[in-house]
Amino acid sequence: MIRLLVLFFFTALFHTITYAGKQECVQRHCVAVIDAGSTGSRLHVYAYDLDSTHTPIHIDEIWNRKALPGLSTIEHEHGSISAYMEKLFTDAPTAIMPVYFYSTAGMRLLPKTHHKNINQLVADWFDKQYYWRLSSARTITGSEEGLFAWLATNYQLNLLNQTEKPLVGVMDIGGASVQIIFPLINEEGINSNDKETIDLYGHQYTIFSHSFLGLGQNEMGHQYYDVDDCYSNNYDLPSGTPGKGNADSCVAEISTLVNGVHYVKRKIKGVLSHNPVETWYLLGGVTNLLNDKFFAFSNAEFTPQELKSLADKQVCTEDWSTLEAKYPDNFMLFNYCMLPSYVYALTVNGYGLQPNQTIKFLPLNKNVDWTIGVVLQHQKT
C-alpha cells in the first residue's frame, strides 16, 4: 500500500518528451545519462553511430524525462528510491543500453555520505533491471562536469571533427557552481587536477577545466538578496529597506565573493594569459536572461560592459514600481540588476576578460546539455 502511494505521489511530478520511436535503439547505439541534481533528475536517452575511429557521430536525443523533486529530498530507503526510478524509466526505450547516473554540483554541496547512500540505492535498483545496465553511479567532480559541457558545446558547433577552425572556450554558470573550460597550448605550472587529455575523431586535445563550487548563480544569489546596490530603486528587500540600484557598486560587492573568497582571478587569469581563447560561449541558466527580449542582444552575443550598462540603465536605476507596472509578466525582472553585475564580476574581475570581449551564447531552442559530453567521452568502444 505504501509503495502504491509513493508511486501515485511521483506520477504528477514527471514530464516526458519523446523525440523518436524506440526502434532507434535497435538500429543504432543507445546510451542513457541521468543528470541527478539536488532539486530534480533528468534522464536523457541518446542514439548515435560510430565513425571509423569508434567515436560517436550523429548524436540524437530520442527520449527525455524530467523528475521533481531531487532524489536527495526523498526518503533514503529502497521503496522510495525504487518507486522514483521506476517512474523515471517508465516508457523509456526498452533496449539494452549502458546508463550513467551522475550527480552534479547541487549534490556536491551535501555530505558525501548523503549521496553515497543514494548512489548505492540507485545501484541496487539497477541490479534488478534487464535492459538498463548501470555503468556508473556517482557524484562527478566540477572539472568533469565542465569537460562534458565543453565537449557538448564544441560538438554542437561542429568543431571537434575538423582542424581549420579553433575550438571555443566555455564558461558554464550553474546553480551551485561555475566552470571555465578551454584548450591548453602551454601546460606549464598547471595543476594536474585541472587538465585532461582526450582523443576524439583521431585528434588529441588537452583541456583545462576548473570548477568553483558555491559560486553558481543560485548560491551567489542567496548571499546577495539583501544588498541594496544589486536591486532596482525602491525594491523591497528582505530586511525591509529599499533597493538603490547601482551596477558598478553591485559588481564591487560580488567581486569580493569572486576573488576574496574563491580566488578566481588568482587561479584563472594567469592560465588564460598563456592560453588565449579566440571565442567564448556562455552556458547555463543565465542564458535565459541573455535571450530575454528585454535586453534584445543581436546575433546571440554580448560584451560584459554592454550587459552591465544596459542593466544599470534599464533596471538598476529605475524605480521598481515603474518596472513592475511595465513588465507585469516578467517574473525574473527583479534579478536583472544583480545577474548582469554577477556576470561582469565573474568574467572580467574574476577570469580576466576585457570588458568589451565578445561572448556568445546559444538561443534557447539550440541550447546544449552537458550530458552529450558523456556520450562522447564514454562511448568509444
Protein backbone atom coordinates (compact mmCIF):
# COMPACT_ATOMS: atom_id res chain seq x y z
CA MET A 1 0.00 0.00 0.00
CA ILE A 2 2.80 2.44 0.92
CA ARG A 3 4.57 1.63 -2.36
CA LEU A 4 1.39 2.43 -4.33
CA LEU A 5 1.05 5.76 -2.54
CA VAL A 6 4.67 6.64 -3.30
CA LEU A 7 4.14 5.80 -6.97
CA PHE A 8 0.98 7.90 -7.08
CA PHE A 9 2.82 10.84 -5.49
CA PHE A 10 5.55 10.78 -8.11
CA THR A 11 3.18 10.42 -11.07
CA ALA A 12 2.37 14.14 -11.27
CA LEU A 13 6.00 15.15 -10.96
CA PHE A 14 7.38 13.60 -14.14
CA HIS A 15 7.37 15.16 -17.58
CA THR A 16 8.35 13.25 -20.71
CA ILE A 17 9.41 14.38 -24.15
CA THR A 18 9.61 11.71 -26.84
CA TYR A 19 11.62 12.58 -29.92
CA ALA A 20 11.66 9.33 -31.87
CA GLY A 21 10.46 5.75 -31.79
CA LYS A 22 12.07 3.05 -29.68
CA GLN A 23 13.30 1.38 -32.86
CA GLU A 24 16.18 3.87 -32.86
CA CYS A 25 17.90 1.74 -30.23
CA VAL A 26 17.51 -1.39 -32.35
CA GLN A 27 19.13 0.18 -35.40
CA ARG A 28 21.74 2.31 -33.63
CA HIS A 29 23.76 2.51 -30.41
CA CYS A 30 21.94 3.94 -27.40
CA VAL A 31 23.05 5.25 -24.00
CA ALA A 32 21.13 6.76 -21.09
CA VAL A 33 22.53 9.59 -18.96
CA ILE A 34 20.88 10.80 -15.75
CA ASP A 35 21.70 14.30 -14.54
CA ALA A 36 20.85 13.97 -10.84
CA GLY A 37 20.77 17.30 -9.05
CA SER A 38 19.57 18.25 -5.59
CA THR A 39 16.24 19.62 -6.88
CA GLY A 40 15.49 17.24 -9.74
CA SER A 41 16.69 14.49 -12.06
CA ARG A 42 16.83 14.46 -15.86
CA LEU A 43 17.01 11.26 -17.88
CA HIS A 44 18.35 11.60 -21.42
CA VAL A 45 18.46 8.72 -23.91
CA TYR A 46 20.77 9.28 -26.86
CA ALA A 47 21.09 7.30 -30.10
CA TYR A 48 24.31 7.56 -32.08
CA ASP A 49 26.52 5.95 -34.70
CA LEU A 50 30.28 5.36 -34.63
CA ASP A 51 32.80 6.64 -37.14
CA SER A 52 35.98 4.87 -38.29
CA THR A 53 37.78 5.98 -35.09
CA HIS A 54 34.94 4.50 -32.99
CA THR A 55 33.89 7.99 -31.89
CA PRO A 56 30.16 8.82 -31.62
CA ILE A 57 28.64 10.75 -34.52
CA HIS A 58 25.07 11.81 -35.35
CA ILE A 59 24.16 12.02 -31.65
CA ASP A 60 20.38 12.43 -31.28
CA GLU A 61 18.37 12.74 -28.10
CA ILE A 62 15.46 10.37 -28.63
CA TRP A 63 13.89 10.40 -25.18
CA ASN A 64 13.87 12.83 -22.28
CA ARG A 65 12.19 12.87 -18.88
CA LYS A 66 12.44 15.36 -16.03
CA ALA A 67 11.66 14.44 -12.45
CA LEU A 68 10.88 16.53 -9.39
CA PRO A 69 11.83 16.56 -6.55
CA GLY A 70 15.51 15.64 -6.41
CA LEU A 71 16.49 12.22 -5.12
CA SER A 72 18.28 13.89 -2.23
CA THR A 73 14.98 15.18 -0.85
CA ILE A 74 13.08 11.90 -0.63
CA GLU A 75 13.34 9.17 1.98
CA HIS A 76 16.52 7.14 1.63
CA GLU A 77 15.14 3.63 1.58
CA HIS A 78 14.68 1.03 -1.13
CA GLY A 79 10.94 1.50 -1.58
CA SER A 80 11.07 5.24 -2.23
CA ILE A 81 14.15 5.13 -4.46
CA SER A 82 12.76 2.18 -6.44
CA ALA A 83 9.43 3.93 -6.98
CA TYR A 84 11.22 7.06 -8.14
CA MET A 85 13.48 5.19 -10.58
CA GLU A 86 10.63 3.09 -11.96
CA LYS A 87 8.64 6.19 -12.81
CA LEU A 88 11.71 7.87 -14.26
CA PHE A 89 12.24 4.95 -16.65
CA THR A 90 8.58 4.21 -17.42
CA ASP A 91 8.14 4.08 -21.23
CA ALA A 92 11.86 4.65 -21.82
CA PRO A 93 13.23 2.72 -24.83
CA THR A 94 13.45 -0.92 -23.79
CA ALA A 95 16.70 -1.83 -25.48
CA ILE A 96 19.85 -3.00 -23.76
CA MET A 97 21.97 0.09 -23.09
CA PRO A 98 24.50 1.43 -20.57
CA VAL A 99 23.33 4.03 -18.04
CA TYR A 100 25.41 6.75 -16.40
CA PHE A 101 23.87 8.16 -13.22
CA TYR A 102 25.77 11.36 -12.46
CA SER A 103 25.06 13.69 -9.54
CA THR A 104 26.27 17.25 -10.05
CA ALA A 105 27.03 20.46 -8.14
CA GLY A 106 23.88 20.57 -6.05
CA MET A 107 24.79 17.16 -4.67
CA ARG A 108 28.46 18.12 -4.23
CA LEU A 109 27.33 20.64 -1.63
CA LEU A 110 25.91 17.84 0.52
CA PRO A 111 27.87 15.49 2.81
CA LYS A 112 29.48 12.63 0.89
CA THR A 113 27.70 10.02 3.00
CA HIS A 114 24.39 11.54 1.81
CA HIS A 115 24.86 10.99 -1.91
CA LYS A 116 26.90 7.82 -1.40
CA ASN A 117 23.80 6.30 0.17
CA ILE A 118 21.61 7.47 -2.73
CA ASN A 119 24.03 6.14 -5.32
CA GLN A 120 24.06 2.72 -3.62
CA LEU A 121 20.26 2.55 -3.53
CA VAL A 122 20.17 3.50 -7.21
CA ALA A 123 22.73 0.79 -7.98
CA ASP A 124 20.59 -1.73 -6.09
CA TRP A 125 17.61 -0.82 -8.30
CA PHE A 126 19.63 -1.29 -11.49
CA ASP A 127 20.79 -4.71 -10.29
CA LYS A 128 17.21 -5.87 -10.87
CA GLN A 129 16.91 -4.42 -14.39
CA TYR A 130 17.45 -6.23 -17.67
CA TYR A 131 17.57 -3.52 -20.34
CA TRP A 132 19.21 -0.67 -18.46
CA ARG A 133 22.66 -1.64 -17.27
CA LEU A 134 24.32 0.74 -14.85
CA SER A 135 27.85 1.67 -15.89
CA SER A 136 28.41 4.19 -13.10
CA ALA A 137 26.50 5.85 -10.26
CA ARG A 138 28.49 8.61 -8.62
CA THR A 139 28.87 12.31 -7.99
CA ILE A 140 31.07 13.78 -10.70
CA THR A 141 33.63 16.49 -9.99
CA GLY A 142 33.19 20.05 -11.18
CA SER A 143 36.07 19.60 -13.61
CA GLU A 144 34.34 16.58 -15.14
CA GLU A 145 31.09 18.48 -15.47
CA GLY A 146 32.98 21.31 -17.16
CA LEU A 147 34.71 18.94 -19.57
CA PHE A 148 31.38 17.38 -20.55
CA ALA A 149 29.92 20.86 -21.17
CA TRP A 150 32.94 21.82 -23.29
CA LEU A 151 32.67 18.63 -25.35
CA ALA A 152 28.92 19.13 -25.85
CA THR A 153 29.36 22.74 -26.97
CA ASN A 154 32.16 22.10 -29.44
CA TYR A 155 30.29 19.06 -30.78
CA GLN A 156 27.13 21.11 -31.35
CA LEU A 157 29.19 23.76 -33.15
CA ASN A 158 30.74 21.07 -35.41
CA LEU A 159 34.25 21.98 -34.29
CA LEU A 160 35.60 18.67 -32.99
CA ASN A 161 35.94 16.73 -36.24
CA GLN A 162 37.98 19.37 -38.07
CA THR A 163 41.23 21.35 -37.77
CA GLU A 164 40.54 24.57 -39.70
CA LYS A 165 38.55 26.48 -37.05
CA PRO A 166 39.73 26.98 -33.45
CA LEU A 167 37.90 25.27 -30.63
CA VAL A 168 35.87 27.55 -28.37
CA GLY A 169 36.21 28.19 -24.66
CA VAL A 170 33.19 27.61 -22.42
CA MET A 171 32.04 29.40 -19.29
CA ASP A 172 29.30 27.33 -17.65
CA ILE A 173 27.21 29.02 -14.95
CA GLY A 174 25.20 26.52 -12.96
CA GLY A 175 23.02 26.95 -9.92
CA ALA A 176 25.62 25.80 -7.41
CA SER A 177 28.93 26.03 -9.29
CA VAL A 178 30.63 27.66 -12.25
CA GLN A 179 33.10 26.04 -14.63
CA ILE A 180 35.60 27.52 -17.06
CA ILE A 181 36.98 25.23 -19.78
CA PHE A 182 39.33 25.84 -22.72
CA PRO A 183 42.06 24.13 -24.78
CA LEU A 184 45.62 24.30 -23.49
CA ILE A 185 48.64 25.35 -25.52
CA ASN A 186 51.01 25.93 -22.62
CA GLU A 187 50.64 23.42 -19.77
CA GLU A 188 53.48 24.75 -17.63
CA GLY A 189 52.59 25.15 -13.95
CA ILE A 190 49.02 23.89 -14.32
CA ASN A 191 47.60 21.61 -11.63
CA SER A 192 47.09 18.10 -12.96
CA ASN A 193 43.56 18.09 -11.48
CA ASP A 194 42.64 20.93 -13.86
CA LYS A 195 43.67 19.30 -17.12
CA GLU A 196 42.75 16.25 -19.11
CA THR A 197 43.92 14.83 -22.42
CA ILE A 198 41.24 13.27 -24.60
CA ASP A 199 41.19 11.59 -28.02
CA LEU A 200 38.28 12.28 -30.36
CA TYR A 201 37.87 11.73 -34.10
CA GLY A 202 41.56 10.93 -34.43
CA HIS A 203 42.66 14.17 -32.72
CA GLN A 204 44.16 14.66 -29.27
CA TYR A 205 43.14 17.60 -27.09
CA THR A 206 44.47 18.79 -23.75
CA ILE A 207 41.78 20.72 -21.91
CA PHE A 208 41.84 23.00 -18.87
CA SER A 209 38.72 22.64 -16.71
CA HIS A 210 38.25 24.26 -13.31
CA SER A 211 35.13 24.49 -11.15
CA PHE A 212 34.24 26.88 -8.33
CA LEU A 213 31.72 25.24 -6.02
CA GLY A 214 29.45 27.70 -4.23
CA LEU A 215 29.85 30.40 -6.87
CA GLY A 216 26.91 29.35 -9.04
CA GLN A 217 24.02 31.65 -9.82
CA ASN A 218 21.72 30.41 -7.05
CA GLU A 219 24.39 30.08 -4.38
CA MET A 220 25.67 33.58 -5.17
CA GLY A 221 22.14 35.00 -5.15
CA HIS A 222 21.43 33.60 -1.68
CA GLN A 223 24.27 35.74 -0.34
CA TYR A 224 23.18 38.98 -2.02
CA TYR A 225 19.40 39.01 -1.59
CA ASP A 226 19.67 41.90 0.86
CA VAL A 227 22.31 44.06 -0.87
CA ASP A 228 20.54 47.28 -1.89
CA ASP A 229 23.03 48.15 -4.67
CA CYS A 230 22.01 44.99 -6.55
CA TYR A 231 18.29 45.74 -6.84
CA SER A 232 16.16 48.39 -8.51
CA ASN A 233 15.39 51.63 -6.73
CA ASN A 234 12.79 51.11 -4.01
CA TYR A 235 12.64 47.34 -4.50
CA ASP A 236 11.51 45.91 -1.15
CA LEU A 237 14.47 43.93 0.22
CA PRO A 238 14.01 41.10 2.77
CA SER A 239 15.24 43.41 5.54
CA GLY A 240 12.54 45.93 4.63
CA THR A 241 15.00 48.50 3.31
CA PRO A 242 14.57 49.80 -0.26
CA GLY A 243 16.90 48.97 -3.12
CA LYS A 244 19.12 51.71 -4.52
CA GLY A 245 20.45 50.01 -7.62
CA ASN A 246 23.92 50.74 -8.91
CA ALA A 247 25.52 48.17 -11.19
CA ASP A 248 29.12 49.26 -10.53
CA SER A 249 28.61 49.06 -6.78
CA CYS A 250 26.92 45.67 -7.16
CA VAL A 251 29.88 44.44 -9.24
CA ALA A 252 32.23 45.55 -6.48
CA GLU A 253 30.16 43.70 -3.86
CA ILE A 254 30.03 40.44 -5.82
CA SER A 255 33.72 40.69 -6.73
CA THR A 256 34.55 40.24 -3.04
CA LEU A 257 32.94 36.79 -3.27
CA VAL A 258 34.56 36.02 -6.63
CA ASN A 259 38.11 36.96 -5.64
CA GLY A 260 38.13 37.41 -1.87
CA VAL A 261 36.52 34.03 -1.14
CA HIS A 262 37.01 31.88 -4.25
CA TYR A 263 40.26 33.46 -5.54
CA VAL A 264 39.08 33.21 -9.15
CA LYS A 265 41.47 35.83 -10.54
CA ARG A 266 44.45 34.22 -8.83
CA LYS A 267 43.61 30.77 -10.22
CA ILE A 268 42.50 31.63 -13.76
CA LYS A 269 43.89 34.90 -15.13
CA GLY A 270 47.48 33.68 -15.41
CA VAL A 271 46.46 30.44 -17.13
CA LEU A 272 44.38 32.35 -19.68
CA SER A 273 47.17 34.82 -20.38
CA HIS A 274 49.31 31.90 -21.61
CA ASN A 275 46.41 30.15 -23.34
CA PRO A 276 44.37 32.85 -25.11
CA VAL A 277 40.88 31.92 -26.32
CA GLU A 278 39.54 33.44 -29.52
CA THR A 279 35.84 32.65 -28.99
CA TRP A 280 33.89 32.21 -25.77
CA TYR A 281 30.47 30.66 -25.19
CA LEU A 282 28.45 31.18 -22.03
CA LEU A 283 26.18 28.34 -20.87
CA GLY A 284 23.75 27.84 -18.03
CA GLY A 285 20.63 29.36 -16.55
CA VAL A 286 21.86 32.91 -17.08
CA THR A 287 21.28 32.43 -20.82
CA ASN A 288 17.55 32.82 -20.07
CA LEU A 289 18.35 36.43 -19.21
CA LEU A 290 20.50 36.90 -22.32
CA ASN A 291 17.73 35.50 -24.52
CA ASP A 292 15.10 37.75 -22.93
CA LYS A 293 13.75 40.29 -25.43
CA PHE A 294 14.17 42.82 -22.61
CA PHE A 295 17.89 43.03 -23.50
CA ALA A 296 17.47 42.35 -27.22
CA PHE A 297 21.04 41.23 -27.95
CA SER A 298 21.58 40.69 -31.67
CA ASN A 299 23.46 37.71 -33.15
CA ALA A 300 23.33 35.88 -29.79
CA GLU A 301 26.36 37.69 -28.41
CA PHE A 302 27.16 40.42 -25.89
CA THR A 303 30.02 42.05 -24.03
CA PRO A 304 30.19 42.24 -20.22
CA GLN A 305 30.32 46.03 -20.43
CA GLU A 306 27.28 46.17 -22.70
CA LEU A 307 25.30 43.84 -20.42
CA LYS A 308 26.21 45.79 -17.28
CA SER A 309 25.42 49.17 -18.85
CA LEU A 310 22.03 48.01 -20.15
CA ALA A 311 21.13 46.54 -16.78
CA ASP A 312 22.18 49.68 -14.94
CA LYS A 313 20.19 51.97 -17.24
CA GLN A 314 17.10 49.83 -17.71
CA VAL A 315 16.78 48.07 -14.33
CA CYS A 316 19.15 49.13 -11.53
CA THR A 317 18.44 52.87 -11.61
CA GLU A 318 14.74 52.52 -12.49
CA ASP A 319 12.03 52.63 -9.84
CA TRP A 320 10.72 49.14 -9.14
CA SER A 321 7.06 50.16 -9.18
CA THR A 322 7.53 51.52 -12.72
CA LEU A 323 9.22 48.33 -13.91
CA GLU A 324 6.63 46.11 -12.25
CA ALA A 325 3.81 48.00 -13.93
CA LYS A 326 5.52 48.00 -17.33
CA TYR A 327 6.54 44.31 -17.30
CA PRO A 328 3.94 42.53 -15.11
CA ASP A 329 4.60 39.08 -16.58
CA ASN A 330 8.41 39.08 -16.27
CA PHE A 331 8.89 37.19 -13.01
CA MET A 332 12.70 37.29 -13.22
CA LEU A 333 12.99 41.03 -13.78
CA PHE A 334 13.74 41.66 -10.11
CA ASN A 335 17.06 39.83 -10.68
CA TYR A 336 18.07 41.75 -13.80
CA CYS A 337 20.27 44.19 -11.92
CA MET A 338 22.17 41.61 -9.87
CA LEU A 339 22.71 38.91 -12.52
CA PRO A 340 24.42 41.14 -15.13
CA SER A 341 26.60 42.55 -12.34
CA TYR A 342 27.45 38.99 -11.35
CA VAL A 343 28.37 38.05 -14.94
CA TYR A 344 30.64 41.10 -15.16
CA ALA A 345 32.26 40.40 -11.78
CA LEU A 346 32.93 36.77 -12.74
CA THR A 347 34.11 37.19 -16.33
CA VAL A 348 36.04 40.49 -16.07
CA ASN A 349 37.16 40.86 -12.46
CA GLY A 350 37.49 37.11 -12.00
CA TYR A 351 38.54 35.39 -15.22
CA GLY A 352 40.29 38.49 -16.53
CA LEU A 353 38.40 39.01 -19.80
CA GLN A 354 38.31 42.51 -21.21
CA PRO A 355 35.06 44.45 -20.58
CA ASN A 356 34.49 44.67 -24.35
CA GLN A 357 35.26 40.99 -25.03
CA THR A 358 32.53 39.44 -27.17
CA ILE A 359 30.89 36.43 -25.54
CA LYS A 360 28.50 34.23 -27.47
CA PHE A 361 25.50 32.28 -26.20
CA LEU A 362 23.07 29.87 -27.80
CA PRO A 363 19.39 30.59 -28.45
CA LEU A 364 17.12 28.66 -26.10
CA ASN A 365 15.97 26.33 -28.88
CA LYS A 366 19.60 25.35 -29.59
CA ASN A 367 20.84 25.03 -26.05
CA VAL A 368 23.39 22.33 -25.29
CA ASP A 369 23.17 19.83 -22.49
CA TRP A 370 26.41 18.68 -20.85
CA THR A 371 25.16 15.07 -20.97
CA ILE A 372 26.07 14.98 -24.69
CA GLY A 373 29.67 15.21 -23.49
CA VAL A 374 29.19 11.99 -21.53
CA VAL A 375 28.28 10.21 -24.78
CA LEU A 376 31.43 11.49 -26.46
CA GLN A 377 33.73 10.73 -23.54
CA HIS A 378 32.48 7.26 -22.61
CA GLN A 379 31.02 5.60 -25.68
CA LYS A 380 34.19 4.95 -27.66
CA THR A 381 34.03 1.16 -27.99
